Amino acid sequence: NAAYLHILTVDESGNQKEQKLRLEFGEKVKAPTLEEQLDAILVQIGREVTTYSIEKIERSYDSLSPKRKVAYSGLSTCKVLLPALYSIAGTLISALWFYRKKLDPPIKILTEATENIAEENLDFEVYYESRDEMGRLCDSFEAMRKAMYENNRVLWHMLEERRVLQASLAHDLRNPIAIIEGYTEYLQEKAQTGSLSSEKLGHTLANLSAAAKRLSRYTESICDIQRLEDLEIQKRPCRLPDLLSDMTEDFANMVEQKWLSVETEISIEPCSIMVDSQILYRILENIVTNALRFAKEKIWIHAAFYDEMLRISVSDDGPGFSPEVLKVKNRYNLAVNQEGAHMGMGLIICRILCEKHGGALKISNRPEGGGQVEITILAKKE
């Protein structure tokens, strides 16, 4: 927006006088030498010749030298490219830093955890100290690992208990089968010789019948256990201690019919819980019936409720559990007595029902003598 006004004055002797005035466009400037001769390019005054010219101030690309033009072009190109390059480089560097600091450690942890799970190894821990999104992802993975570990532990426990139960059943089935085979061979041998008396025949047939009945009870027990595993728990609201009072009253009548005494203690405040009352009654009935077989004079029933767990213990003053049974007290077992009359199926049934109800069954001997069975049932308050 500016230009230079050149004023060149030449006198007779050829002397030149030059003036240069910088003017801004749009700015009013008083120039006496121009006021009278605006349209004249060459004006003669006396013996002097005055020439006016206007020089535009050039700062464009064309005014530069070749070297400066190359430099200017290069700088102009850099002015466009360098910000883009800086942005790309900054983005890549930031992404690389973010990956190494924020993504790479948890990804390595999760990759290692995945490999362990693929190798069926759940005995490890997924821990990442950061509380960002990857930290929450690692926490979720650790929760999944714990759930899988617990499910596998329960499954392994069930399979192990099933294996022990099958082995115990197979072992106990051999006795009645061996008895039946022995008496059958004996009858065949005596029948050929004709030396079997009617009295001996009747005794042998009675033993065969007892062995057959025992074998039948074994097979029925196996069917009962299979049905129990498919049983669904149906919890309904029940009032305590009213529910247990009604149950213990029935059990007291059972005990009195055996000419025994019973002592009941229910230390529970009135409340409403969610429980399958029929399953609970079946558990207690089996335990009390088992105690009646061995009690000499008295049976004790104690009930309490805390931490959302209903705990009931049934004790007797009998001989107590044998060391063989106590050795495997936390497993399914068949406690067969010498006569083979009691197979311990009641305790096995109770253990299965307690576990299906979120509880457990424990057996022990009282310090004073006699056996004790304690059950726990998950029963949340309504």
Protein backbone atom coordinates (compact mmCIF):
# COMPACT_ATOMS: atom_id res chain seq x y z
CA ASN A 1 0.00 0.00 0.00
CA ALA A 2 2.95 2.32 -0.57
CA ALA A 3 4.98 3.77 -3.45
CA TYR A 4 7.95 6.07 -3.94
CA LEU A 5 7.64 9.39 -5.81
CA HIS A 6 10.92 10.30 -7.57
CA ILE A 7 11.52 13.97 -8.45
CA LEU A 8 14.52 14.55 -10.74
CA THR A 9 15.54 18.13 -11.57
CA VAL A 10 18.23 18.89 -14.24
CA ASP A 11 19.56 22.45 -14.73
CA GLU A 12 21.35 24.00 -17.76
CA SER A 13 24.71 22.76 -16.69
CA GLY A 14 23.46 19.23 -16.41
CA ASN A 15 23.45 19.12 -12.65
CA GLN A 16 20.83 16.76 -11.29
CA LYS A 17 18.90 17.02 -8.11
CA GLU A 18 16.92 13.96 -7.04
CA GLN A 19 14.27 13.71 -4.36
CA LYS A 20 12.49 10.56 -3.21
CA LEU A 21 9.25 10.71 -1.27
CA ARG A 22 7.44 7.67 0.20
CA LEU A 23 3.69 7.94 -0.05
CA GLU A 24 0.95 5.71 1.39
CA PHE A 25 -2.08 5.00 -0.78
CA GLY A 26 -5.11 6.86 0.48
CA GLU A 27 -2.99 9.31 2.50
CA LYS A 28 -3.33 13.01 1.63
CA VAL A 29 0.08 14.62 1.15
CA LYS A 30 0.69 18.20 0.05
CA ALA A 31 3.28 18.24 -2.71
CA PRO A 32 3.75 21.84 -4.09
CA THR A 33 5.61 20.67 -7.08
CA LEU A 34 2.64 18.57 -8.19
CA GLU A 35 -0.23 20.89 -7.53
CA GLU A 36 0.16 22.87 -10.77
CA GLN A 37 1.29 20.11 -13.15
CA LEU A 38 -0.55 16.91 -12.27
CA ASP A 39 -1.01 15.72 -15.86
CA ALA A 40 2.48 16.55 -17.11
CA ILE A 41 5.18 13.89 -17.16
CA LEU A 42 7.86 16.31 -18.25
CA VAL A 43 7.61 19.97 -17.17
CA GLN A 44 10.01 22.71 -18.12
CA ILE A 45 10.36 25.64 -15.73
CA GLY A 46 12.89 28.15 -16.84
CA ARG A 47 16.04 26.42 -17.61
CA GLU A 48 15.37 23.43 -15.41
CA VAL A 49 13.76 20.21 -16.41
CA THR A 50 11.87 18.32 -13.72
CA THR A 51 10.86 14.68 -14.20
CA TYR A 52 8.39 12.83 -12.02
CA SER A 53 8.17 9.04 -11.73
CA ILE A 54 6.45 6.64 -9.39
CA GLU A 55 8.20 3.44 -8.24
CA LYS A 56 6.07 0.74 -6.72
CA ILE A 57 7.55 -1.00 -3.69
CA GLU A 58 7.96 -4.66 -4.71
CA ARG A 59 8.26 -7.38 -2.07
CA SER A 60 6.92 -10.26 -4.15
CA TYR A 61 8.51 -13.51 -5.28
CA ASP A 62 9.59 -11.93 -8.57
CA SER A 63 11.80 -9.41 -6.79
CA LEU A 64 13.99 -12.15 -5.28
CA SER A 65 17.25 -13.45 -6.64
CA PRO A 66 17.41 -17.03 -8.02
CA LYS A 67 19.05 -18.39 -4.85
CA ARG A 68 16.55 -16.61 -2.67
CA LYS A 69 13.74 -17.93 -4.85
CA VAL A 70 14.96 -21.50 -4.24
CA ALA A 71 15.27 -20.84 -0.52
CA TYR A 72 11.87 -19.20 -0.43
CA SER A 73 10.28 -22.13 -2.27
CA GLY A 74 11.93 -24.59 0.09
CA LEU A 75 10.82 -22.67 3.17
CA SER A 76 7.29 -22.36 1.81
CA THR A 77 7.19 -26.09 1.21
CA CYS A 78 8.54 -26.78 4.71
CA LYS A 79 5.97 -24.40 6.13
CA VAL A 80 3.28 -26.69 4.74
CA LEU A 81 4.92 -30.09 5.18
CA LEU A 82 6.67 -29.71 8.52
CA PRO A 83 3.48 -29.18 10.61
CA ALA A 84 2.00 -32.28 9.00
CA LEU A 85 5.22 -34.22 9.62
CA TYR A 86 5.38 -32.94 13.20
CA SER A 87 1.76 -34.00 13.75
CA ILE A 88 2.34 -37.47 12.32
CA ALA A 89 5.60 -37.92 14.23
CA GLY A 90 4.02 -36.66 17.44
CA THR A 91 1.06 -38.97 16.98
CA LEU A 92 3.31 -41.98 16.34
CA ILE A 93 5.57 -41.19 19.28
CA SER A 94 2.58 -40.67 21.57
CA ALA A 95 0.97 -43.89 20.36
CA LEU A 96 4.23 -45.81 20.88
CA TRP A 97 4.65 -44.40 24.37
CA PHE A 98 1.01 -45.12 25.23
CA TYR A 99 1.35 -48.69 23.95
CA ARG A 100 4.54 -49.39 25.89
CA LYS A 101 3.38 -47.76 29.09
CA LYS A 102 -0.36 -48.48 29.11
CA LEU A 103 -1.16 -51.36 26.75
CA ASP A 104 1.88 -53.61 26.53
CA PRO A 105 2.07 -54.63 30.27
CA PRO A 106 -1.63 -55.63 30.64
CA ILE A 107 -1.63 -57.30 27.22
CA LYS A 108 1.34 -59.44 28.30
CA ILE A 109 -0.45 -60.28 31.55
CA LEU A 110 -3.65 -61.26 29.75
CA THR A 111 -1.72 -63.23 27.11
CA GLU A 112 0.09 -65.20 29.79
CA ALA A 113 -3.19 -65.79 31.61
CA THR A 114 -4.83 -67.03 28.40
CA GLU A 115 -1.96 -69.45 27.82
CA ASN A 116 -2.31 -70.78 31.37
CA ILE A 117 -6.03 -71.31 30.91
CA ALA A 118 -5.40 -73.04 27.58
CA GLU A 119 -3.03 -75.39 29.42
CA GLU A 120 -5.76 -75.99 32.07
CA ASN A 121 -3.65 -74.27 34.71
CA LEU A 122 -5.77 -72.01 36.91
CA ASP A 123 -3.33 -71.74 39.81
CA PHE A 124 -2.18 -68.18 39.06
CA GLU A 125 -3.30 -64.59 39.67
CA VAL A 126 -4.09 -61.80 37.24
CA TYR A 127 -3.01 -58.50 38.81
CA TYR A 128 -2.44 -55.10 37.21
CA GLU A 129 -1.84 -52.14 39.50
CA SER A 130 -3.40 -49.44 37.30
CA ARG A 131 -7.06 -48.58 37.79
CA ASP A 132 -7.73 -47.55 34.18
CA GLU A 133 -9.75 -49.47 31.59
CA MET A 134 -7.05 -52.14 31.19
CA GLY A 135 -6.87 -52.49 34.95
CA ARG A 136 -10.62 -53.08 35.12
CA LEU A 137 -10.28 -55.57 32.27
CA CYS A 138 -7.60 -57.46 34.22
CA ASP A 139 -9.84 -57.41 37.31
CA SER A 140 -12.68 -58.89 35.25
CA PHE A 141 -10.31 -61.55 33.90
CA GLU A 142 -9.21 -62.37 37.44
CA ALA A 143 -12.85 -62.67 38.54
CA MET A 144 -13.46 -65.04 35.62
CA ARG A 145 -10.38 -67.08 36.58
CA LYS A 146 -11.57 -67.37 40.18
CA ALA A 147 -15.01 -68.49 39.01
CA MET A 148 -13.47 -71.08 36.67
CA TYR A 149 -11.13 -72.26 39.43
CA GLU A 150 -14.01 -72.63 41.88
CA ASN A 151 -16.20 -74.41 39.32
CA ASN A 152 -13.37 -76.78 38.44
CA ARG A 153 -12.70 -77.40 42.12
CA VAL A 154 -16.36 -78.21 42.75
CA LEU A 155 -16.50 -80.37 39.64
CA TRP A 156 -13.32 -82.20 40.60
CA HIS A 157 -14.68 -82.69 44.11
CA MET A 158 -17.92 -84.10 42.72
CA LEU A 159 -16.06 -86.43 40.36
CA GLU A 160 -13.78 -87.56 43.16
CA GLU A 161 -16.73 -88.18 45.45
CA ARG A 162 -18.50 -90.04 42.66
CA ARG A 163 -15.40 -92.18 42.11
CA VAL A 164 -15.09 -92.98 45.82
CA LEU A 165 -18.79 -93.77 46.03
CA GLN A 166 -18.62 -96.07 43.01
CA ALA A 167 -15.54 -97.81 44.42
CA SER A 168 -17.26 -98.23 47.78
CA LEU A 169 -20.41 -99.58 46.15
CA ALA A 170 -18.40 -101.98 44.00
CA HIS A 171 -16.56 -103.22 47.07
CA ASP A 172 -19.72 -103.68 49.14
CA LEU A 173 -21.59 -105.37 46.31
CA ARG A 174 -18.99 -108.11 46.28
CA ASN A 175 -20.04 -109.39 49.71
CA PRO A 176 -23.68 -110.30 48.95
CA ILE A 177 -22.71 -111.51 45.48
CA ALA A 178 -20.00 -113.74 46.94
CA ILE A 179 -22.46 -115.05 49.53
CA ILE A 180 -25.05 -115.85 46.89
CA GLU A 181 -22.46 -117.57 44.70
CA GLY A 182 -21.14 -119.60 47.63
CA TYR A 183 -24.56 -120.81 48.76
CA THR A 184 -25.55 -121.58 45.17
CA GLU A 185 -22.49 -123.77 44.68
CA TYR A 186 -23.16 -125.41 48.03
CA LEU A 187 -26.76 -126.22 47.08
CA GLN A 188 -25.70 -127.60 43.72
CA GLU A 189 -23.10 -129.83 45.33
CA LYS A 190 -25.48 -131.13 48.02
CA ALA A 191 -28.28 -131.60 45.51
CA GLN A 192 -26.13 -133.94 43.45
CA THR A 193 -25.21 -136.07 46.44
CA GLY A 194 -28.66 -135.86 48.03
CA SER A 195 -27.13 -135.23 51.45
CA LEU A 196 -28.88 -131.91 52.16
CA SER A 197 -31.30 -132.01 55.07
CA SER A 198 -34.44 -129.95 55.17
CA GLU A 199 -33.14 -127.99 58.15
CA LYS A 200 -29.89 -127.16 56.41
CA LEU A 201 -31.77 -126.29 53.24
CA GLY A 202 -34.01 -123.86 55.10
CA HIS A 203 -31.04 -122.20 56.78
CA THR A 204 -29.23 -121.84 53.45
CA LEU A 205 -32.28 -120.43 51.70
CA ALA A 206 -32.75 -117.91 54.52
CA ASN A 207 -29.16 -116.71 54.12
CA LEU A 208 -29.63 -116.48 50.35
CA SER A 209 -32.75 -114.39 50.85
CA ALA A 210 -30.95 -112.04 53.27
CA ALA A 211 -28.06 -111.61 50.81
CA ALA A 212 -30.50 -110.96 47.95
CA LYS A 213 -32.35 -108.36 50.01
CA ARG A 214 -29.08 -106.64 50.92
CA LEU A 215 -28.13 -106.57 47.25
CA SER A 216 -31.54 -105.12 46.43
CA ARG A 217 -31.04 -102.37 49.01
CA TYR A 218 -27.70 -101.50 47.43
CA THR A 219 -29.22 -101.13 43.98
CA GLU A 220 -32.12 -99.09 45.35
CA SER A 221 -29.66 -96.79 47.13
CA ILE A 222 -27.76 -96.23 43.91
CA CYS A 223 -31.00 -95.26 42.18
CA ASP A 224 -31.88 -92.94 45.07
CA ILE A 225 -28.53 -91.17 44.80
CA GLN A 226 -28.98 -90.72 41.06
CA ARG A 227 -32.43 -89.22 41.60
CA LEU A 228 -31.09 -86.90 44.30
CA GLU A 229 -28.46 -85.46 41.93
CA ASP A 230 -31.26 -84.45 39.55
CA LEU A 231 -33.40 -83.00 42.36
CA GLU A 232 -34.11 -79.26 42.21
CA ILE A 233 -34.20 -77.18 45.40
CA GLN A 234 -37.40 -75.13 45.73
CA LYS A 235 -37.00 -72.48 48.43
CA ARG A 236 -40.05 -70.89 50.00
CA PRO A 237 -40.56 -68.45 52.90
CA CYS A 238 -40.64 -70.24 56.26
CA ARG A 239 -40.90 -68.96 59.81
CA LEU A 240 -38.29 -69.77 62.42
CA PRO A 241 -38.28 -71.20 65.02
CA ASP A 242 -41.83 -72.46 64.31
CA LEU A 243 -40.66 -74.70 61.45
CA LEU A 244 -38.01 -76.42 63.54
CA SER A 245 -40.35 -76.75 66.53
CA ASP A 246 -42.85 -78.68 64.43
CA MET A 247 -40.12 -80.92 63.02
CA THR A 248 -38.48 -81.68 66.37
CA GLU A 249 -41.89 -82.54 67.82
CA ASP A 250 -42.26 -85.27 65.20
CA PHE A 251 -38.74 -86.51 65.87
CA ALA A 252 -39.40 -86.56 69.61
CA ASN A 253 -42.32 -88.95 69.00
CA MET A 254 -40.02 -91.17 66.95
CA VAL A 255 -37.45 -91.23 69.75
CA GLU A 256 -40.00 -91.94 72.47
CA GLN A 257 -41.27 -94.95 70.51
CA LYS A 258 -37.77 -96.43 70.88
CA TRP A 259 -37.92 -95.85 74.65
CA LEU A 260 -35.28 -93.16 74.42
CA SER A 261 -35.22 -89.54 75.60
CA VAL A 262 -34.55 -86.46 73.49
CA GLU A 263 -33.31 -83.00 74.46
CA THR A 264 -34.06 -80.15 72.03
CA GLU A 265 -32.54 -76.66 72.08
CA ILE A 266 -33.50 -74.09 69.40
CA SER A 267 -31.50 -70.86 69.84
CA ILE A 268 -33.12 -68.83 67.09
CA GLU A 269 -34.91 -65.48 67.20
CA PRO A 270 -38.20 -65.25 65.28
CA CYS A 271 -37.54 -64.54 61.61
CA SER A 272 -38.52 -65.55 58.08
CA ILE A 273 -36.06 -67.41 55.85
CA MET A 274 -35.99 -68.90 52.35
CA VAL A 275 -35.58 -72.67 52.59
CA ASP A 276 -36.88 -75.90 51.11
CA SER A 277 -38.70 -77.27 54.14
CA GLN A 278 -39.29 -80.70 52.62
CA ILE A 279 -35.58 -81.17 51.91
CA LEU A 280 -34.72 -79.96 55.42
CA TYR A 281 -37.22 -82.39 56.96
CA ARG A 282 -35.80 -85.27 54.92
CA ILE A 283 -32.26 -84.44 56.02
CA LEU A 284 -33.15 -84.27 59.71
CA GLU A 285 -35.30 -87.39 59.48
CA ASN A 286 -32.41 -89.42 58.06
CA ILE A 287 -29.98 -88.10 60.68
CA VAL A 288 -32.35 -88.77 63.60
CA THR A 289 -33.13 -92.23 62.22
CA ASN A 290 -29.40 -92.94 62.02
CA ALA A 291 -28.93 -91.75 65.61
CA LEU A 292 -31.77 -94.02 66.79
CA ARG A 293 -29.86 -97.07 65.56
CA PHE A 294 -26.90 -96.40 67.83
CA ALA A 295 -28.22 -94.32 70.76
CA LYS A 296 -28.34 -96.03 74.14
CA GLU A 297 -30.50 -93.68 76.17
CA LYS A 298 -30.59 -90.13 74.81
CA ILE A 299 -30.44 -87.96 71.69
CA TRP A 300 -29.65 -84.24 71.57
CA ILE A 301 -30.90 -81.80 68.89
CA HIS A 302 -29.49 -78.27 68.81
CA ALA A 303 -30.34 -75.57 66.22
CA ALA A 304 -28.95 -72.06 65.63
CA PHE A 305 -29.06 -69.45 62.88
CA TYR A 306 -26.37 -66.88 62.08
CA ASP A 307 -24.56 -65.52 59.01
CA GLU A 308 -27.51 -66.66 56.84
CA MET A 309 -26.68 -70.27 57.70
CA LEU A 310 -29.02 -72.64 59.54
CA ARG A 311 -26.91 -74.97 61.70
CA ILE A 312 -28.40 -78.10 63.26
CA SER A 313 -26.54 -80.81 65.16
CA VAL A 314 -27.87 -84.22 66.20
CA SER A 315 -25.89 -86.18 68.82
CA ASP A 316 -26.36 -89.50 70.57
CA ASP A 317 -24.74 -91.43 73.42
CA GLY A 318 -23.94 -94.49 71.34
CA PRO A 319 -20.54 -95.94 70.39
CA GLY A 320 -19.85 -93.14 67.91
CA PHE A 321 -18.36 -93.33 64.44
CA SER A 322 -15.56 -95.76 63.71
CA PRO A 323 -12.04 -94.50 62.88
CA GLU A 324 -12.51 -95.75 59.28
CA VAL A 325 -15.58 -93.57 58.84
CA LEU A 326 -14.00 -90.53 60.51
CA LYS A 327 -10.99 -90.90 58.24
CA VAL A 328 -13.18 -90.13 55.24
CA LYS A 329 -15.69 -87.96 57.10
CA ASN A 330 -15.80 -85.27 54.41
CA ARG A 331 -16.43 -87.71 51.59
CA TYR A 332 -19.24 -89.95 50.47
CA ASN A 333 -18.84 -93.22 52.32
CA LEU A 334 -20.78 -96.36 53.11
CA ALA A 335 -20.47 -97.19 56.79
CA VAL A 336 -21.33 -100.88 56.79
CA ASN A 337 -21.53 -102.62 60.15
CA GLN A 338 -20.54 -106.21 60.71
CA GLU A 339 -24.02 -107.56 60.12
CA GLY A 340 -24.43 -105.47 56.98
CA ALA A 341 -27.71 -104.04 58.25
CA HIS A 342 -26.72 -100.39 58.11
CA MET A 343 -25.09 -99.11 54.92
CA GLY A 344 -24.81 -95.42 55.86
CA MET A 345 -26.89 -94.42 52.86
CA GLY A 346 -28.83 -91.99 55.03
CA LEU A 347 -25.68 -89.93 55.65
CA ILE A 348 -24.79 -89.99 51.97
CA ILE A 349 -28.27 -88.79 51.05
CA CYS A 350 -28.08 -86.04 53.68
CA ARG A 351 -24.67 -84.91 52.44
CA ILE A 352 -25.94 -84.63 48.85
CA LEU A 353 -29.05 -82.71 49.91
CA CYS A 354 -27.03 -80.33 52.11
CA GLU A 355 -24.62 -79.54 49.30
CA LYS A 356 -27.48 -78.94 46.87
CA HIS A 357 -28.94 -76.52 49.43
CA GLY A 358 -25.65 -74.59 49.65
CA GLY A 359 -24.50 -76.24 52.86
CA ALA A 360 -22.46 -79.17 54.13
CA LEU A 361 -22.53 -82.15 56.48
CA LYS A 362 -19.86 -82.98 59.05
CA ILE A 363 -19.58 -86.02 61.31
CA SER A 364 -17.57 -86.34 64.51
CA ASN A 365 -17.61 -87.97 67.94
CA ARG A 366 -18.59 -86.20 71.14
CA PRO A 367 -15.90 -85.85 73.81
CA GLU A 368 -18.27 -87.59 76.23
CA GLY A 369 -18.81 -90.40 73.75
CA GLY A 370 -21.30 -90.95 70.97
CA GLY A 371 -21.62 -89.69 67.43
CA GLN A 372 -22.53 -86.21 66.26
CA VAL A 373 -23.76 -85.06 62.87
CA GLU A 374 -23.82 -81.33 62.10
CA ILE A 375 -25.49 -79.87 59.02
CA THR A 376 -25.44 -76.35 57.59
CA ILE A 377 -28.09 -75.02 55.22
CA LEU A 378 -27.93 -71.75 53.32
CA ALA A 379 -31.10 -69.90 54.32
CA LYS A 380 -31.19 -66.20 53.57
CA LYS A 381 -33.63 -64.01 55.45
CA GLU A 382 -36.66 -62.92 53.48
